[in-house]
Amino acid sequence: MEIVLPPELEAIVQRRVDSGKYASALEVIKAGVKLLEQQEDIYQGRLLELQQEARIGWEASLQGKVVDGSTAMAQIRDKLRSRHGVTEE
């Protein structure tokens, strides 16, 4: 199989090889694919976390344990101020 890269990608790969960090274009591409796989794993993990958080929020809303957006933002700001020792003037 032959892969033809657009000139801009070919230039990036060549710069990496020229830097001496990689011995060949194939090593650069393998490193890129490995990073892509790691990124997808991270996104998949984060997606599962967000789905769990959404379920928790949904259950809380069904139980009436929610506050409106402006109240929530005020609570968040208060926590940040107290955490960082900021006082209002």
PDB file of N, CA and C in Angstrom:
ATOM      1  N   MET A   1       0.844  -1.179   0.000  1.00  0.00           N
ATOM      2  CA  MET A   1       0.000   0.000   0.000  1.00  0.00           C
ATOM      3  C   MET A   1       0.887   1.239   0.000  1.00  0.00           C
ATOM      4  N   GLU A   2       0.560   2.150  -0.836  1.00  0.00           N
ATOM      5  CA  GLU A   2       1.289   3.414  -0.896  1.00  0.00           C
ATOM      6  C   GLU A   2       0.364   4.522  -0.424  1.00  0.00           C
ATOM      7  N   ILE A   3       0.897   5.373   0.434  1.00  0.00           N
ATOM      8  CA  ILE A   3       0.127   6.505   0.944  1.00  0.00           C
ATOM      9  C   ILE A   3       0.769   7.778   0.414  1.00  0.00           C
ATOM     10  N   VAL A   4      -0.048   8.618  -0.185  1.00  0.00           N
ATOM     11  CA  VAL A   4       0.433   9.895  -0.704  1.00  0.00           C
ATOM     12  C   VAL A   4      -0.100  10.992   0.211  1.00  0.00           C
ATOM     13  N   LEU A   5       0.811  11.742   0.791  1.00  0.00           N
ATOM     14  CA  LEU A   5       0.428  12.822   1.693  1.00  0.00           C
ATOM     15  C   LEU A   5       0.344  14.132   0.941  1.00  0.00           C
ATOM     16  N   PRO A   6      -0.566  14.999   1.351  1.00  0.00           N
ATOM     17  CA  PRO A   6      -0.587  16.343   0.783  1.00  0.00           C
ATOM     18  C   PRO A   6       0.749  17.026   1.115  1.00  0.00           C
ATOM     19  N   PRO A   7       1.172  17.964   0.305  1.00  0.00           N
ATOM     20  CA  PRO A   7       2.479  18.606   0.508  1.00  0.00           C
ATOM     21  C   PRO A   7       2.691  19.174   1.910  1.00  0.00           C
ATOM     22  N   GLU A   8       1.645  19.771   2.489  1.00  0.00           N
ATOM     23  CA  GLU A   8       1.827  20.356   3.823  1.00  0.00           C
ATOM     24  C   GLU A   8       2.097  19.288   4.881  1.00  0.00           C
ATOM     25  N   LEU A   9       1.443  18.130   4.774  1.00  0.00           N
ATOM     26  CA  LEU A   9       1.711  17.038   5.720  1.00  0.00           C
ATOM     27  C   LEU A   9       3.065  16.409   5.454  1.00  0.00           C
ATOM     28  N   GLU A  10       3.411  16.283   4.206  1.00  0.00           N
ATOM     29  CA  GLU A  10       4.718  15.733   3.857  1.00  0.00           C
ATOM     30  C   GLU A  10       5.832  16.611   4.438  1.00  0.00           C
ATOM     31  N   ALA A  11       5.639  17.916   4.392  1.00  0.00           N
ATOM     32  CA  ALA A  11       6.627  18.844   4.942  1.00  0.00           C
ATOM     33  C   ALA A  11       6.748  18.683   6.456  1.00  0.00           C
ATOM     34  N   ILE A  12       5.625  18.499   7.133  1.00  0.00           N
ATOM     35  CA  ILE A  12       5.645  18.294   8.589  1.00  0.00           C
ATOM     36  C   ILE A  12       6.405  17.014   8.920  1.00  0.00           C
ATOM     37  N   VAL A  13       6.080  15.945   8.221  1.00  0.00           N
ATOM     38  CA  VAL A  13       6.758  14.664   8.453  1.00  0.00           C
ATOM     39  C   VAL A  13       8.255  14.819   8.201  1.00  0.00           C
ATOM     40  N   GLN A  14       8.613  15.480   7.126  1.00  0.00           N
ATOM     41  CA  GLN A  14      10.025  15.644   6.795  1.00  0.00           C
ATOM     42  C   GLN A  14      10.755  16.468   7.848  1.00  0.00           C
ATOM     43  N   ARG A  15      10.105  17.498   8.390  1.00  0.00           N
ATOM     44  CA  ARG A  15      10.721  18.302   9.455  1.00  0.00           C
ATOM     45  C   ARG A  15      11.000  17.446  10.677  1.00  0.00           C
ATOM     46  N   ARG A  16      10.063  16.537  10.993  1.00  0.00           N
ATOM     47  CA  ARG A  16      10.269  15.646  12.150  1.00  0.00           C
ATOM     48  C   ARG A  16      11.454  14.710  11.915  1.00  0.00           C
ATOM     49  N   VAL A  17      11.556  14.181  10.714  1.00  0.00           N
ATOM     50  CA  VAL A  17      12.683  13.306  10.379  1.00  0.00           C
ATOM     51  C   VAL A  17      13.989  14.113  10.422  1.00  0.00           C
ATOM     52  N   ASP A  18      13.971  15.308   9.835  1.00  0.00           N
ATOM     53  CA  ASP A  18      15.163  16.157   9.804  1.00  0.00           C
ATOM     54  C   ASP A  18      15.611  16.569  11.204  1.00  0.00           C
ATOM     55  N   SER A  19      14.669  16.634  12.139  1.00  0.00           N
ATOM     56  CA  SER A  19      15.023  17.023  13.508  1.00  0.00           C
ATOM     57  C   SER A  19      15.875  15.961  14.198  1.00  0.00           C
ATOM     58  N   GLY A  20      15.844  14.747  13.654  1.00  0.00           N
ATOM     59  CA  GLY A  20      16.623  13.663  14.244  1.00  0.00           C
ATOM     60  C   GLY A  20      15.868  12.855  15.282  1.00  0.00           C
ATOM     61  N   LYS A  21      14.697  13.306  15.627  1.00  0.00           N
ATOM     62  CA  LYS A  21      13.907  12.583  16.630  1.00  0.00           C
ATOM     63  C   LYS A  21      13.367  11.274  16.058  1.00  0.00           C
ATOM     64  N   TYR A  22      13.107  11.258  14.783  1.00  0.00           N
ATOM     65  CA  TYR A  22      12.577  10.073  14.106  1.00  0.00           C
ATOM     66  C   TYR A  22      13.534   9.672  12.990  1.00  0.00           C
ATOM     67  N   ALA A  23      13.682   8.375  12.800  1.00  0.00           N
ATOM     68  CA  ALA A  23      14.609   7.872  11.780  1.00  0.00           C
ATOM     69  C   ALA A  23      13.979   7.838  10.390  1.00  0.00           C
ATOM     70  N   SER A  24      12.650   7.819  10.332  1.00  0.00           N
ATOM     71  CA  SER A  24      11.996   7.706   9.032  1.00  0.00           C
ATOM     72  C   SER A  24      10.597   8.302   9.095  1.00  0.00           C
ATOM     73  N   ALA A  25      10.042   8.490   7.899  1.00  0.00           N
ATOM     74  CA  ALA A  25       8.668   8.981   7.812  1.00  0.00           C
ATOM     75  C   ALA A  25       7.703   7.989   8.455  1.00  0.00           C
ATOM     76  N   LEU A  26       7.991   6.703   8.314  1.00  0.00           N
ATOM     77  CA  LEU A  26       7.123   5.682   8.908  1.00  0.00           C
ATOM     78  C   LEU A  26       7.077   5.826  10.426  1.00  0.00           C
ATOM     79  N   GLU A  27       8.211   6.123  11.062  1.00  0.00           N
ATOM     80  CA  GLU A  27       8.216   6.321  12.515  1.00  0.00           C
ATOM     81  C   GLU A  27       7.359   7.524  12.907  1.00  0.00           C
ATOM     82  N   VAL A  28       7.417   8.580  12.139  1.00  0.00           N
ATOM     83  CA  VAL A  28       6.604   9.768  12.418  1.00  0.00           C
ATOM     84  C   VAL A  28       5.127   9.411  12.331  1.00  0.00           C
ATOM     85  N   ILE A  29       4.763   8.690  11.292  1.00  0.00           N
ATOM     86  CA  ILE A  29       3.355   8.319  11.097  1.00  0.00           C
ATOM     87  C   ILE A  29       2.896   7.373  12.197  1.00  0.00           C
ATOM     88  N   LYS A  30       3.743   6.416  12.593  1.00  0.00           N
ATOM     89  CA  LYS A  30       3.385   5.508  13.691  1.00  0.00           C
ATOM     90  C   LYS A  30       3.151   6.289  14.980  1.00  0.00           C
ATOM     91  N   ALA A  31       4.010   7.266  15.249  1.00  0.00           N
ATOM     92  CA  ALA A  31       3.848   8.082  16.458  1.00  0.00           C
ATOM     93  C   ALA A  31       2.535   8.864  16.403  1.00  0.00           C
ATOM     94  N   GLY A  32       2.209   9.388  15.228  1.00  0.00           N
ATOM     95  CA  GLY A  32       0.955  10.121  15.079  1.00  0.00           C
ATOM     96  C   GLY A  32      -0.256   9.248  15.285  1.00  0.00           C
ATOM     97  N   VAL A  33      -0.201   8.030  14.753  1.00  0.00           N
ATOM     98  CA  VAL A  33      -1.325   7.091  14.920  1.00  0.00           C
ATOM     99  C   VAL A  33      -1.469   6.700  16.388  1.00  0.00           C
ATOM    100  N   LYS A  34      -0.333   6.498  17.062  1.00  0.00           N
ATOM    101  CA  LYS A  34      -0.379   6.145  18.486  1.00  0.00           C
ATOM    102  C   LYS A  34      -1.030   7.268  19.294  1.00  0.00           C
ATOM    103  N   LEU A  35      -0.664   8.517  18.993  1.00  0.00           N
ATOM    104  CA  LEU A  35      -1.281   9.652  19.683  1.00  0.00           C
ATOM    105  C   LEU A  35      -2.768   9.737  19.400  1.00  0.00           C
ATOM    106  N   LEU A  36      -3.159   9.465  18.178  1.00  0.00           N
ATOM    107  CA  LEU A  36      -4.573   9.466  17.817  1.00  0.00           C
ATOM    108  C   LEU A  36      -5.337   8.422  18.625  1.00  0.00           C
ATOM    109  N   GLU A  37      -4.771   7.239  18.755  1.00  0.00           N
ATOM    110  CA  GLU A  37      -5.426   6.188  19.538  1.00  0.00           C
ATOM    111  C   GLU A  37      -5.546   6.590  21.000  1.00  0.00           C
ATOM    112  N   GLN A  38      -4.489   7.199  21.557  1.00  0.00           N
ATOM    113  CA  GLN A  38      -4.533   7.646  22.952  1.00  0.00           C
ATOM    114  C   GLN A  38      -5.599   8.719  23.136  1.00  0.00           C
ATOM    115  N   GLN A  39      -5.674   9.642  22.181  1.00  0.00           N
ATOM    116  CA  GLN A  39      -6.663  10.709  22.255  1.00  0.00           C
ATOM    117  C   GLN A  39      -8.082  10.138  22.217  1.00  0.00           C
ATOM    118  N   GLU A  40      -8.307   9.168  21.344  1.00  0.00           N
ATOM    119  CA  GLU A  40      -9.628   8.559  21.265  1.00  0.00           C
ATOM    120  C   GLU A  40      -9.979   7.839  22.557  1.00  0.00           C
ATOM    121  N   ASP A  41      -8.994   7.176  23.180  1.00  0.00           N
ATOM    122  CA  ASP A  41      -9.227   6.516  24.464  1.00  0.00           C
ATOM    123  C   ASP A  41      -9.615   7.538  25.537  1.00  0.00           C
ATOM    124  N   ILE A  42      -8.915   8.673  25.533  1.00  0.00           N
ATOM    125  CA  ILE A  42      -9.216   9.730  26.501  1.00  0.00           C
ATOM    126  C   ILE A  42     -10.626  10.258  26.282  1.00  0.00           C
ATOM    127  N   TYR A  43     -10.969  10.540  25.018  1.00  0.00           N
ATOM    128  CA  TYR A  43     -12.307  11.053  24.721  1.00  0.00           C
ATOM    129  C   TYR A  43     -13.384  10.044  25.095  1.00  0.00           C
ATOM    130  N   GLN A  44     -13.130   8.769  24.840  1.00  0.00           N
ATOM    131  CA  GLN A  44     -14.114   7.746  25.188  1.00  0.00           C
ATOM    132  C   GLN A  44     -14.312   7.695  26.701  1.00  0.00           C
ATOM    133  N   GLY A  45     -13.204   7.765  27.439  1.00  0.00           N
ATOM    134  CA  GLY A  45     -13.300   7.782  28.901  1.00  0.00           C
ATOM    135  C   GLY A  45     -14.047   9.000  29.390  1.00  0.00           C
ATOM    136  N   ARG A  46     -13.772  10.152  28.808  1.00  0.00           N
ATOM    137  CA  ARG A  46     -14.452  11.379  29.207  1.00  0.00           C
ATOM    138  C   ARG A  46     -15.930  11.326  28.857  1.00  0.00           C
ATOM    139  N   LEU A  47     -16.249  10.710  27.717  1.00  0.00           N
ATOM    140  CA  LEU A  47     -17.648  10.562  27.332  1.00  0.00           C
ATOM    141  C   LEU A  47     -18.401   9.743  28.375  1.00  0.00           C
ATOM    142  N   LEU A  48     -17.793   8.660  28.837  1.00  0.00           N
ATOM    143  CA  LEU A  48     -18.443   7.835  29.855  1.00  0.00           C
ATOM    144  C   LEU A  48     -18.642   8.622  31.143  1.00  0.00           C
ATOM    145  N   GLU A  49     -17.625   9.433  31.526  1.00  0.00           N
ATOM    146  CA  GLU A  49     -17.756  10.267  32.725  1.00  0.00           C
ATOM    147  C   GLU A  49     -18.903  11.268  32.572  1.00  0.00           C
ATOM    148  N   LEU A  50     -18.988  11.902  31.411  1.00  0.00           N
ATOM    149  CA  LEU A  50     -20.050  12.879  31.181  1.00  0.00           C
ATOM    150  C   LEU A  50     -21.425  12.234  31.189  1.00  0.00           C
ATOM    151  N   GLN A  51     -21.525  11.034  30.630  1.00  0.00           N
ATOM    152  CA  GLN A  51     -22.803  10.320  30.648  1.00  0.00           C
ATOM    153  C   GLN A  51     -23.206  10.004  32.082  1.00  0.00           C
ATOM    154  N   GLN A  52     -22.243   9.598  32.911  1.00  0.00           N
ATOM    155  CA  GLN A  52     -22.538   9.302  34.311  1.00  0.00           C
ATOM    156  C   GLN A  52     -22.974  10.575  35.039  1.00  0.00           C
ATOM    157  N   GLU A  53     -22.271  11.679  34.783  1.00  0.00           N
ATOM    158  CA  GLU A  53     -22.640  12.944  35.413  1.00  0.00           C
ATOM    159  C   GLU A  53     -24.034  13.390  34.969  1.00  0.00           C
ATOM    160  N   ALA A  54     -24.361  13.160  33.713  1.00  0.00           N
ATOM    161  CA  ALA A  54     -25.700  13.511  33.223  1.00  0.00           C
ATOM    162  C   ALA A  54     -26.766  12.678  33.923  1.00  0.00           C
ATOM    163  N   ARG A  55     -26.486  11.390  34.120  1.00  0.00           N
ATOM    164  CA  ARG A  55     -27.436  10.526  34.838  1.00  0.00           C
ATOM    165  C   ARG A  55     -27.641  11.017  36.266  1.00  0.00           C
ATOM    166  N   ILE A  56     -26.542  11.387  36.920  1.00  0.00           N
ATOM    167  CA  ILE A  56     -26.629  11.892  38.295  1.00  0.00           C
ATOM    168  C   ILE A  56     -27.474  13.166  38.325  1.00  0.00           C
ATOM    169  N   GLY A  57     -27.226  14.071  37.361  1.00  0.00           N
ATOM    170  CA  GLY A  57     -27.998  15.310  37.289  1.00  0.00           C
ATOM    171  C   GLY A  57     -29.471  15.050  37.019  1.00  0.00           C
ATOM    172  N   TRP A  58     -29.746  14.114  36.132  1.00  0.00           N
ATOM    173  CA  TRP A  58     -31.134  13.777  35.807  1.00  0.00           C
ATOM    174  C   TRP A  58     -31.844  13.229  37.039  1.00  0.00           C
ATOM    175  N   GLU A  59     -31.192  12.334  37.755  1.00  0.00           N
ATOM    176  CA  GLU A  59     -31.796  11.758  38.960  1.00  0.00           C
ATOM    177  C   GLU A  59     -32.026  12.833  40.018  1.00  0.00           C
ATOM    178  N   ALA A  60     -31.062  13.760  40.149  1.00  0.00           N
ATOM    179  CA  ALA A  60     -31.229  14.851  41.112  1.00  0.00           C
ATOM    180  C   ALA A  60     -32.413  15.731  40.727  1.00  0.00           C
ATOM    181  N   SER A  61     -32.568  15.975  39.424  1.00  0.00           N
ATOM    182  CA  SER A  61     -33.686  16.822  38.994  1.00  0.00           C
ATOM    183  C   SER A  61     -35.018  16.137  39.253  1.00  0.00           C
ATOM    184  N   LEU A  62     -35.063  14.822  39.077  1.00  0.00           N
ATOM    185  CA  LEU A  62     -36.297  14.087  39.355  1.00  0.00           C
ATOM    186  C   LEU A  62     -36.661  14.146  40.830  1.00  0.00           C
ATOM    187  N   GLN A  63     -35.651  14.291  41.681  1.00  0.00           N
ATOM    188  CA  GLN A  63     -35.886  14.363  43.128  1.00  0.00           C
ATOM    189  C   GLN A  63     -36.022  15.805  43.619  1.00  0.00           C
ATOM    190  N   GLY A  64     -35.991  16.750  42.687  1.00  0.00           N
ATOM    191  CA  GLY A  64     -36.133  18.157  43.062  1.00  0.00           C
ATOM    192  C   GLY A  64     -34.897  18.735  43.725  1.00  0.00           C
ATOM    193  N   LYS A  65     -33.750  18.127  43.532  1.00  0.00           N
ATOM    194  CA  LYS A  65     -32.508  18.564  44.184  1.00  0.00           C
ATOM    195  C   LYS A  65     -31.651  19.416  43.238  1.00  0.00           C
ATOM    196  N   VAL A  66     -32.267  20.349  42.566  1.00  0.00           N
ATOM    197  CA  VAL A  66     -31.533  21.212  41.641  1.00  0.00           C
ATOM    198  C   VAL A  66     -31.812  22.665  41.957  1.00  0.00           C
ATOM    199  N   VAL A  67     -30.919  23.538  41.497  1.00  0.00           N
ATOM    200  CA  VAL A  67     -31.118  24.981  41.651  1.00  0.00           C
ATOM    201  C   VAL A  67     -31.058  25.608  40.267  1.00  0.00           C
ATOM    202  N   ASP A  68     -31.591  26.798  40.136  1.00  0.00           N
ATOM    203  CA  ASP A  68     -31.568  27.461  38.834  1.00  0.00           C
ATOM    204  C   ASP A  68     -30.138  27.888  38.497  1.00  0.00           C
ATOM    205  N   GLY A  69     -29.929  28.202  37.243  1.00  0.00           N
ATOM    206  CA  GLY A  69     -28.589  28.507  36.739  1.00  0.00           C
ATOM    207  C   GLY A  69     -27.910  29.664  37.442  1.00  0.00           C
ATOM    208  N   SER A  70     -28.614  30.768  37.676  1.00  0.00           N
ATOM    209  CA  SER A  70     -27.979  31.929  38.316  1.00  0.00           C
ATOM    210  C   SER A  70     -27.578  31.618  39.754  1.00  0.00           C
ATOM    211  N   THR A  71     -28.385  30.855  40.462  1.00  0.00           N
ATOM    212  CA  THR A  71     -28.036  30.449  41.821  1.00  0.00           C
ATOM    213  C   THR A  71     -26.809  29.544  41.805  1.00  0.00           C
ATOM    214  N   ALA A  72     -26.781  28.611  40.880  1.00  0.00           N
ATOM    215  CA  ALA A  72     -25.640  27.695  40.768  1.00  0.00           C
ATOM    216  C   ALA A  72     -24.359  28.472  40.475  1.00  0.00           C
ATOM    217  N   MET A  73     -24.420  29.435  39.551  1.00  0.00           N
ATOM    218  CA  MET A  73     -23.231  30.217  39.219  1.00  0.00           C
ATOM    219  C   MET A  73     -22.768  31.038  40.418  1.00  0.00           C
ATOM    220  N   ALA A  74     -23.690  31.581  41.169  1.00  0.00           N
ATOM    221  CA  ALA A  74     -23.325  32.355  42.364  1.00  0.00           C
ATOM    222  C   ALA A  74     -22.632  31.449  43.376  1.00  0.00           C
ATOM    223  N   GLN A  75     -23.134  30.234  43.540  1.00  0.00           N
ATOM    224  CA  GLN A  75     -22.509  29.287  44.465  1.00  0.00           C
ATOM    225  C   GLN A  75     -21.100  28.911  44.003  1.00  0.00           C
ATOM    226  N   ILE A  76     -20.934  28.715  42.722  1.00  0.00           N
ATOM    227  CA  ILE A  76     -19.612  28.379  42.174  1.00  0.00           C
ATOM    228  C   ILE A  76     -18.641  29.536  42.396  1.00  0.00           C
ATOM    229  N   ARG A  77     -19.095  30.758  42.104  1.00  0.00           N
ATOM    230  CA  ARG A  77     -18.228  31.927  42.308  1.00  0.00           C
ATOM    231  C   ARG A  77     -17.829  32.066  43.769  1.00  0.00           C
ATOM    232  N   ASP A  78     -18.790  31.857  44.693  1.00  0.00           N
ATOM    233  CA  ASP A  78     -18.493  31.943  46.122  1.00  0.00           C
ATOM    234  C   ASP A  78     -17.450  30.912  46.534  1.00  0.00           C
ATOM    235  N   LYS A  79     -17.593  29.691  46.031  1.00  0.00           N
ATOM    236  CA  LYS A  79     -16.616  28.645  46.362  1.00  0.00           C
ATOM    237  C   LYS A  79     -15.235  29.001  45.835  1.00  0.00           C
ATOM    238  N   LEU A  80     -15.175  29.519  44.604  1.00  0.00           N
ATOM    239  CA  LEU A  80     -13.880  29.907  44.034  1.00  0.00           C
ATOM    240  C   LEU A  80     -13.249  31.050  44.820  1.00  0.00           C
ATOM    241  N   ARG A  81     -14.061  32.021  45.203  1.00  0.00           N
ATOM    242  CA  ARG A  81     -13.532  33.145  45.981  1.00  0.00           C
ATOM    243  C   ARG A  81     -12.985  32.661  47.321  1.00  0.00           C
ATOM    244  N   SER A  82     -13.726  31.806  47.996  1.00  0.00           N
ATOM    245  CA  SER A  82     -13.259  31.337  49.298  1.00  0.00           C
ATOM    246  C   SER A  82     -12.038  30.441  49.157  1.00  0.00           C
ATOM    247  N   ARG A  83     -11.981  29.662  48.108  1.00  0.00           N
ATOM    248  CA  ARG A  83     -10.846  28.769  47.872  1.00  0.00           C
ATOM    249  C   ARG A  83      -9.572  29.557  47.605  1.00  0.00           C
ATOM    250  N   HIS A  84      -9.707  30.684  46.905  1.00  0.00           N
ATOM    251  CA  HIS A  84      -8.545  31.470  46.519  1.00  0.00           C
ATOM    252  C   HIS A  84      -8.349  32.710  47.378  1.00  0.00           C
ATOM    253  N   GLY A  85      -9.128  32.817  48.445  1.00  0.00           N
ATOM    254  CA  GLY A  85      -8.975  33.925  49.381  1.00  0.00           C
ATOM    255  C   GLY A  85      -9.331  35.279  48.813  1.00  0.00           C
ATOM    256  N   VAL A  86     -10.231  35.308  47.839  1.00  0.00           N
ATOM    257  CA  VAL A  86     -10.632  36.583  47.227  1.00  0.00           C
ATOM    258  C   VAL A  86     -11.846  37.105  47.969  1.00  0.00           C
ATOM    259  N   THR A  87     -11.782  38.378  48.304  1.00  0.00           N
ATOM    260  CA  THR A  87     -12.934  39.014  48.964  1.00  0.00           C
ATOM    261  C   THR A  87     -13.504  40.072  48.046  1.00  0.00           C
ATOM    262  N   GLU A  88     -14.797  40.286  48.141  1.00  0.00           N
ATOM    263  CA  GLU A  88     -15.451  41.315  47.325  1.00  0.00           C
ATOM    264  C   GLU A  88     -15.270  42.650  48.010  1.00  0.00           C
ATOM    265  N   GLU A  89     -15.094  43.670  47.207  1.00  0.00           N
ATOM    266  CA  GLU A  89     -14.936  45.022  47.757  1.00  0.00           C
ATOM    267  C   GLU A  89     -16.161  45.830  47.560  1.00  0.00           C
TER     268      GLU A  89
END
